[in-house]
Amino acid sequence: MKKTLEDKIQEIANKVNGKVYKGYSGRGMFGAQCYGIECEHSQKAEVIHLGRQKKLRDARQDELGLQAIVYWPSAKA
């Protein structure tokens, strides 16, 4: 069975104990929404690496105070 984009995002979030954001609109996205993963600052590189393994490119990141979010503008939610 082929995995959906949401399945892939959830698998990454599970590996880092992160939270999936469905409908995140990052800087410069002008209201467009995509998937993202909230994680610890120290896990951002791991989330990006895991995303690349699942063919998710163009990762961006924002700070959420004590947490961070890694998101993929091309991963439309």
PDB file of N, CA and C in Angstrom:
ATOM      1  N   MET A   1       0.846  -1.186   0.000  1.00  0.00           N
ATOM      2  CA  MET A   1       0.000   0.000   0.000  1.00  0.00           C
ATOM      3  C   MET A   1       0.884   1.240   0.000  1.00  0.00           C
ATOM      4  N   LYS A   2       0.595   2.174  -0.895  1.00  0.00           N
ATOM      5  CA  LYS A   2       1.370   3.399  -0.984  1.00  0.00           C
ATOM      6  C   LYS A   2       1.008   4.338   0.168  1.00  0.00           C
ATOM      7  N   LYS A   3       2.042   4.901   0.800  1.00  0.00           N
ATOM      8  CA  LYS A   3       1.804   5.801   1.927  1.00  0.00           C
ATOM      9  C   LYS A   3       1.442   7.190   1.418  1.00  0.00           C
ATOM     10  N   THR A   4       0.489   7.798   2.117  1.00  0.00           N
ATOM     11  CA  THR A   4       0.104   9.164   1.778  1.00  0.00           C
ATOM     12  C   THR A   4       1.124  10.141   2.360  1.00  0.00           C
ATOM     13  N   LEU A   5       1.055  11.372   1.909  1.00  0.00           N
ATOM     14  CA  LEU A   5       1.925  12.419   2.437  1.00  0.00           C
ATOM     15  C   LEU A   5       1.717  12.569   3.941  1.00  0.00           C
ATOM     16  N   GLU A   6       0.465  12.523   4.365  1.00  0.00           N
ATOM     17  CA  GLU A   6       0.164  12.646   5.796  1.00  0.00           C
ATOM     18  C   GLU A   6       0.782  11.495   6.585  1.00  0.00           C
ATOM     19  N   ASP A   7       0.756  10.284   6.038  1.00  0.00           N
ATOM     20  CA  ASP A   7       1.378   9.129   6.701  1.00  0.00           C
ATOM     21  C   ASP A   7       2.878   9.363   6.884  1.00  0.00           C
ATOM     22  N   LYS A   8       3.531   9.860   5.833  1.00  0.00           N
ATOM     23  CA  LYS A   8       4.975  10.114   5.901  1.00  0.00           C
ATOM     24  C   LYS A   8       5.307  11.161   6.958  1.00  0.00           C
ATOM     25  N   ILE A   9       4.536  12.224   6.988  1.00  0.00           N
ATOM     26  CA  ILE A   9       4.755  13.293   7.975  1.00  0.00           C
ATOM     27  C   ILE A   9       4.557  12.739   9.385  1.00  0.00           C
ATOM     28  N   GLN A  10       3.513  11.942   9.581  1.00  0.00           N
ATOM     29  CA  GLN A  10       3.239  11.378  10.902  1.00  0.00           C
ATOM     30  C   GLN A  10       4.363  10.441  11.353  1.00  0.00           C
ATOM     31  N   GLU A  11       4.917   9.656  10.431  1.00  0.00           N
ATOM     32  CA  GLU A  11       6.032   8.767  10.776  1.00  0.00           C
ATOM     33  C   GLU A  11       7.237   9.560  11.267  1.00  0.00           C
ATOM     34  N   ILE A  12       7.540  10.658  10.596  1.00  0.00           N
ATOM     35  CA  ILE A  12       8.659  11.506  11.028  1.00  0.00           C
ATOM     36  C   ILE A  12       8.381  12.066  12.417  1.00  0.00           C
ATOM     37  N   ALA A  13       7.180  12.588  12.617  1.00  0.00           N
ATOM     38  CA  ALA A  13       6.814  13.163  13.924  1.00  0.00           C
ATOM     39  C   ALA A  13       6.922  12.117  15.027  1.00  0.00           C
ATOM     40  N   ASN A  14       6.490  10.900  14.754  1.00  0.00           N
ATOM     41  CA  ASN A  14       6.559   9.836  15.757  1.00  0.00           C
ATOM     42  C   ASN A  14       8.000   9.534  16.160  1.00  0.00           C
ATOM     43  N   LYS A  15       8.924   9.586  15.200  1.00  0.00           N
ATOM     44  CA  LYS A  15      10.326   9.275  15.497  1.00  0.00           C
ATOM     45  C   LYS A  15      10.983  10.297  16.415  1.00  0.00           C
ATOM     46  N   VAL A  16      10.487  11.539  16.411  1.00  0.00           N
ATOM     47  CA  VAL A  16      11.099  12.583  17.241  1.00  0.00           C
ATOM     48  C   VAL A  16      10.165  13.062  18.358  1.00  0.00           C
ATOM     49  N   ASN A  17       9.080  12.323  18.584  1.00  0.00           N
ATOM     50  CA  ASN A  17       8.062  12.730  19.561  1.00  0.00           C
ATOM     51  C   ASN A  17       7.542  14.133  19.263  1.00  0.00           C
ATOM     52  N   GLY A  18       7.359  14.412  17.984  1.00  0.00           N
ATOM     53  CA  GLY A  18       6.887  15.724  17.557  1.00  0.00           C
ATOM     54  C   GLY A  18       5.394  15.744  17.352  1.00  0.00           C
ATOM     55  N   LYS A  19       4.899  16.929  17.048  1.00  0.00           N
ATOM     56  CA  LYS A  19       3.471  17.126  16.814  1.00  0.00           C
ATOM     57  C   LYS A  19       3.284  17.574  15.368  1.00  0.00           C
ATOM     58  N   VAL A  20       2.367  16.940  14.658  1.00  0.00           N
ATOM     59  CA  VAL A  20       2.087  17.304  13.268  1.00  0.00           C
ATOM     60  C   VAL A  20       1.202  18.548  13.243  1.00  0.00           C
ATOM     61  N   TYR A  21       1.598  19.504  12.452  1.00  0.00           N
ATOM     62  CA  TYR A  21       0.777  20.674  12.166  1.00  0.00           C
ATOM     63  C   TYR A  21       0.193  20.468  10.780  1.00  0.00           C
ATOM     64  N   LYS A  22      -1.091  20.467  10.679  1.00  0.00           N
ATOM     65  CA  LYS A  22      -1.762  20.360   9.384  1.00  0.00           C
ATOM     66  C   LYS A  22      -2.354  21.742   9.108  1.00  0.00           C
ATOM     67  N   GLY A  23      -1.834  22.396   8.106  1.00  0.00           N
ATOM     68  CA  GLY A  23      -2.332  23.727   7.794  1.00  0.00           C
ATOM     69  C   GLY A  23      -1.450  24.842   8.321  1.00  0.00           C
ATOM     70  N   TYR A  24      -0.145  24.607   8.432  1.00  0.00           N
ATOM     71  CA  TYR A  24       0.776  25.643   8.884  1.00  0.00           C
ATOM     72  C   TYR A  24       1.063  26.608   7.731  1.00  0.00           C
ATOM     73  N   SER A  25       1.103  27.891   8.027  1.00  0.00           N
ATOM     74  CA  SER A  25       1.433  28.906   7.028  1.00  0.00           C
ATOM     75  C   SER A  25       2.656  29.664   7.522  1.00  0.00           C
ATOM     76  N   GLY A  26       3.785  29.364   6.938  1.00  0.00           N
ATOM     77  CA  GLY A  26       5.049  29.955   7.371  1.00  0.00           C
ATOM     78  C   GLY A  26       5.326  31.295   6.726  1.00  0.00           C
ATOM     79  N   ARG A  27       6.489  31.839   7.063  1.00  0.00           N
ATOM     80  CA  ARG A  27       6.903  33.136   6.528  1.00  0.00           C
ATOM     81  C   ARG A  27       6.944  33.102   5.001  1.00  0.00           C
ATOM     82  N   GLY A  28       6.398  34.134   4.406  1.00  0.00           N
ATOM     83  CA  GLY A  28       6.435  34.263   2.958  1.00  0.00           C
ATOM     84  C   GLY A  28       5.490  33.348   2.205  1.00  0.00           C
ATOM     85  N   MET A  29       4.609  32.659   2.920  1.00  0.00           N
ATOM     86  CA  MET A  29       3.684  31.746   2.242  1.00  0.00           C
ATOM     87  C   MET A  29       2.351  32.420   1.891  1.00  0.00           C
ATOM     88  N   PHE A  30       2.133  33.618   2.385  1.00  0.00           N
ATOM     89  CA  PHE A  30       0.961  34.420   2.036  1.00  0.00           C
ATOM     90  C   PHE A  30      -0.351  33.670   2.209  1.00  0.00           C
ATOM     91  N   GLY A  31      -0.458  32.943   3.316  1.00  0.00           N
ATOM     92  CA  GLY A  31      -1.698  32.239   3.647  1.00  0.00           C
ATOM     93  C   GLY A  31      -1.799  30.818   3.121  1.00  0.00           C
ATOM     94  N   ALA A  32      -0.911  30.421   2.214  1.00  0.00           N
ATOM     95  CA  ALA A  32      -0.914  29.028   1.749  1.00  0.00           C
ATOM     96  C   ALA A  32      -0.588  28.129   2.937  1.00  0.00           C
ATOM     97  N   GLN A  33      -1.136  26.938   2.961  1.00  0.00           N
ATOM     98  CA  GLN A  33      -0.946  26.040   4.098  1.00  0.00           C
ATOM     99  C   GLN A  33      -0.237  24.761   3.699  1.00  0.00           C
ATOM    100  N   CYS A  34       0.538  24.237   4.647  1.00  0.00           N
ATOM    101  CA  CYS A  34       1.292  23.015   4.396  1.00  0.00           C
ATOM    102  C   CYS A  34       1.429  22.222   5.689  1.00  0.00           C
ATOM    103  N   TYR A  35       2.052  21.057   5.577  1.00  0.00           N
ATOM    104  CA  TYR A  35       2.345  20.248   6.758  1.00  0.00           C
ATOM    105  C   TYR A  35       3.627  20.729   7.416  1.00  0.00           C
ATOM    106  N   GLY A  36       3.669  20.588   8.736  1.00  0.00           N
ATOM    107  CA  GLY A  36       4.867  20.896   9.500  1.00  0.00           C
ATOM    108  C   GLY A  36       4.938  19.987  10.709  1.00  0.00           C
ATOM    109  N   ILE A  37       6.100  19.966  11.339  1.00  0.00           N
ATOM    110  CA  ILE A  37       6.296  19.163  12.542  1.00  0.00           C
ATOM    111  C   ILE A  37       6.910  20.040  13.623  1.00  0.00           C
ATOM    112  N   GLU A  38       6.205  20.150  14.744  1.00  0.00           N
ATOM    113  CA  GLU A  38       6.733  20.859  15.907  1.00  0.00           C
ATOM    114  C   GLU A  38       7.681  19.915  16.635  1.00  0.00           C
ATOM    115  N   CYS A  39       8.853  20.419  16.984  1.00  0.00           N
ATOM    116  CA  CYS A  39       9.851  19.581  17.640  1.00  0.00           C
ATOM    117  C   CYS A  39      10.749  20.430  18.535  1.00  0.00           C
ATOM    118  N   GLU A  40      11.631  19.769  19.258  1.00  0.00           N
ATOM    119  CA  GLU A  40      12.641  20.460  20.040  1.00  0.00           C
ATOM    120  C   GLU A  40      13.641  21.101  19.082  1.00  0.00           C
ATOM    121  N   HIS A  41      14.235  22.209  19.497  1.00  0.00           N
ATOM    122  CA  HIS A  41      15.238  22.874  18.654  1.00  0.00           C
ATOM    123  C   HIS A  41      16.351  21.908  18.267  1.00  0.00           C
ATOM    124  N   SER A  42      16.746  21.054  19.178  1.00  0.00           N
ATOM    125  CA  SER A  42      17.850  20.132  18.927  1.00  0.00           C
ATOM    126  C   SER A  42      17.500  19.037  17.912  1.00  0.00           C
ATOM    127  N   GLN A  43      16.228  18.925  17.552  1.00  0.00           N
ATOM    128  CA  GLN A  43      15.791  17.871  16.634  1.00  0.00           C
ATOM    129  C   GLN A  43      15.537  18.364  15.213  1.00  0.00           C
ATOM    130  N   LYS A  44      15.705  19.652  14.971  1.00  0.00           N
ATOM    131  CA  LYS A  44      15.394  20.202  13.643  1.00  0.00           C
ATOM    132  C   LYS A  44      16.177  19.501  12.535  1.00  0.00           C
ATOM    133  N   ALA A  45      17.461  19.321  12.724  1.00  0.00           N
ATOM    134  CA  ALA A  45      18.294  18.684  11.697  1.00  0.00           C
ATOM    135  C   ALA A  45      17.830  17.255  11.434  1.00  0.00           C
ATOM    136  N   GLU A  46      17.449  16.542  12.495  1.00  0.00           N
ATOM    137  CA  GLU A  46      16.972  15.167  12.327  1.00  0.00           C
ATOM    138  C   GLU A  46      15.663  15.133  11.545  1.00  0.00           C
ATOM    139  N   VAL A  47      14.760  16.051  11.848  1.00  0.00           N
ATOM    140  CA  VAL A  47      13.486  16.110  11.132  1.00  0.00           C
ATOM    141  C   VAL A  47      13.730  16.390   9.641  1.00  0.00           C
ATOM    142  N   ILE A  48      14.622  17.320   9.353  1.00  0.00           N
ATOM    143  CA  ILE A  48      14.948  17.636   7.952  1.00  0.00           C
ATOM    144  C   ILE A  48      15.547  16.423   7.258  1.00  0.00           C
ATOM    145  N   HIS A  49      16.456  15.736   7.935  1.00  0.00           N
ATOM    146  CA  HIS A  49      17.082  14.538   7.370  1.00  0.00           C
ATOM    147  C   HIS A  49      16.040  13.439   7.105  1.00  0.00           C
ATOM    148  N   LEU A  50      15.170  13.195   8.066  1.00  0.00           N
ATOM    149  CA  LEU A  50      14.125  12.180   7.890  1.00  0.00           C
ATOM    150  C   LEU A  50      13.182  12.565   6.749  1.00  0.00           C
ATOM    151  N   GLY A  51      12.909  13.849   6.623  1.00  0.00           N
ATOM    152  CA  GLY A  51      12.074  14.317   5.519  1.00  0.00           C
ATOM    153  C   GLY A  51      12.717  14.051   4.172  1.00  0.00           C
ATOM    154  N   ARG A  52      14.013  14.289   4.083  1.00  0.00           N
ATOM    155  CA  ARG A  52      14.722  14.022   2.822  1.00  0.00           C
ATOM    156  C   ARG A  52      14.644  12.543   2.458  1.00  0.00           C
ATOM    157  N   GLN A  53      14.735  11.680   3.460  1.00  0.00           N
ATOM    158  CA  GLN A  53      14.634  10.247   3.197  1.00  0.00           C
ATOM    159  C   GLN A  53      13.270   9.875   2.624  1.00  0.00           C
ATOM    160  N   LYS A  54      12.270  10.672   2.949  1.00  0.00           N
ATOM    161  CA  LYS A  54      10.906  10.412   2.459  1.00  0.00           C
ATOM    162  C   LYS A  54      10.568  11.299   1.272  1.00  0.00           C
ATOM    163  N   LYS A  55      11.619  11.840   0.629  1.00  0.00           N
ATOM    164  CA  LYS A  55      11.478  12.647  -0.591  1.00  0.00           C
ATOM    165  C   LYS A  55      10.791  13.987  -0.356  1.00  0.00           C
ATOM    166  N   LEU A  56      10.879  14.524   0.857  1.00  0.00           N
ATOM    167  CA  LEU A  56      10.349  15.852   1.154  1.00  0.00           C
ATOM    168  C   LEU A  56      11.505  16.845   1.048  1.00  0.00           C
ATOM    169  N   ARG A  57      11.391  17.770   0.138  1.00  0.00           N
ATOM    170  CA  ARG A  57      12.452  18.742  -0.114  1.00  0.00           C
ATOM    171  C   ARG A  57      11.998  20.132   0.323  1.00  0.00           C
ATOM    172  N   ASP A  58      12.851  21.080   0.244  1.00  0.00           N
ATOM    173  CA  ASP A  58      12.627  22.502   0.530  1.00  0.00           C
ATOM    174  C   ASP A  58      12.155  22.772   1.963  1.00  0.00           C
ATOM    175  N   ALA A  59      12.705  22.056   2.923  1.00  0.00           N
ATOM    176  CA  ALA A  59      12.313  22.254   4.329  1.00  0.00           C
ATOM    177  C   ALA A  59      12.683  23.665   4.785  1.00  0.00           C
ATOM    178  N   ARG A  60      11.808  24.235   5.562  1.00  0.00           N
ATOM    179  CA  ARG A  60      12.049  25.528   6.208  1.00  0.00           C
ATOM    180  C   ARG A  60      11.796  25.341   7.691  1.00  0.00           C
ATOM    181  N   GLN A  61      12.221  26.324   8.464  1.00  0.00           N
ATOM    182  CA  GLN A  61      12.014  26.215   9.913  1.00  0.00           C
ATOM    183  C   GLN A  61      11.707  27.576  10.508  1.00  0.00           C
ATOM    184  N   ASP A  62      10.873  27.566  11.529  1.00  0.00           N
ATOM    185  CA  ASP A  62      10.519  28.760  12.297  1.00  0.00           C
ATOM    186  C   ASP A  62      10.680  28.432  13.771  1.00  0.00           C
ATOM    187  N   GLU A  63      10.851  29.467  14.554  1.00  0.00           N
ATOM    188  CA  GLU A  63      10.931  29.317  16.003  1.00  0.00           C
ATOM    189  C   GLU A  63       9.543  29.507  16.601  1.00  0.00           C
ATOM    190  N   LEU A  64       9.198  28.674  17.562  1.00  0.00           N
ATOM    191  CA  LEU A  64       7.918  28.773  18.266  1.00  0.00           C
ATOM    192  C   LEU A  64       8.173  28.946  19.758  1.00  0.00           C
ATOM    193  N   GLY A  65       9.006  29.866  20.109  1.00  0.00           N
ATOM    194  CA  GLY A  65       9.353  30.045  21.513  1.00  0.00           C
ATOM    195  C   GLY A  65      10.256  28.923  21.979  1.00  0.00           C
ATOM    196  N   LEU A  66       9.757  28.062  22.846  1.00  0.00           N
ATOM    197  CA  LEU A  66      10.559  26.957  23.364  1.00  0.00           C
ATOM    198  C   LEU A  66      10.670  25.794  22.389  1.00  0.00           C
ATOM    199  N   GLN A  67       9.874  25.807  21.355  1.00  0.00           N
ATOM    200  CA  GLN A  67       9.871  24.753  20.342  1.00  0.00           C
ATOM    201  C   GLN A  67      10.245  25.352  18.990  1.00  0.00           C
ATOM    202  N   ALA A  68      10.382  24.481  18.012  1.00  0.00           N
ATOM    203  CA  ALA A  68      10.615  24.896  16.638  1.00  0.00           C
ATOM    204  C   ALA A  68       9.635  24.144  15.751  1.00  0.00           C
ATOM    205  N   ILE A  69       9.471  24.620  14.536  1.00  0.00           N
ATOM    206  CA  ILE A  69       8.673  23.885  13.565  1.00  0.00           C
ATOM    207  C   ILE A  69       9.468  23.779  12.273  1.00  0.00           C
ATOM    208  N   VAL A  70       9.486  22.569  11.740  1.00  0.00           N
ATOM    209  CA  VAL A  70      10.053  22.322  10.415  1.00  0.00           C
ATOM    210  C   VAL A  70       8.847  22.091   9.515  1.00  0.00           C
ATOM    211  N   TYR A  71       8.830  22.779   8.378  1.00  0.00           N
ATOM    212  CA  TYR A  71       7.680  22.656   7.478  1.00  0.00           C
ATOM    213  C   TYR A  71       8.148  22.626   6.025  1.00  0.00           C
ATOM    214  N   TRP A  72       7.308  22.091   5.182  1.00  0.00           N
ATOM    215  CA  TRP A  72       7.597  21.924   3.776  1.00  0.00           C
ATOM    216  C   TRP A  72       6.514  22.632   2.970  1.00  0.00           C
ATOM    217  N   PRO A  73       6.795  23.814   2.424  1.00  0.00           N
ATOM    218  CA  PRO A  73       5.772  24.548   1.665  1.00  0.00           C
ATOM    219  C   PRO A  73       5.162  23.740   0.525  1.00  0.00           C
ATOM    220  N   SER A  74       5.912  22.828  -0.050  1.00  0.00           N
ATOM    221  CA  SER A  74       5.379  22.009  -1.150  1.00  0.00           C
ATOM    222  C   SER A  74       4.485  20.874  -0.660  1.00  0.00           C
ATOM    223  N   ALA A  75       4.471  20.615   0.643  1.00  0.00           N
ATOM    224  CA  ALA A  75       3.644  19.546   1.221  1.00  0.00           C
ATOM    225  C   ALA A  75       2.296  20.146   1.623  1.00  0.00           C
ATOM    226  N   LYS A  76       1.479  20.394   0.623  1.00  0.00           N
ATOM    227  CA  LYS A  76       0.189  21.054   0.842  1.00  0.00           C
ATOM    228  C   LYS A  76      -0.730  20.214   1.716  1.00  0.00           C
ATOM    229  N   ALA A  77      -1.318  20.889   2.705  1.00  0.00           N
ATOM    230  CA  ALA A  77      -2.233  20.206   3.630  1.00  0.00           C
ATOM    231  C   ALA A  77      -3.669  20.410   3.170  1.00  0.00           C
TER     232      ALA A  77
END
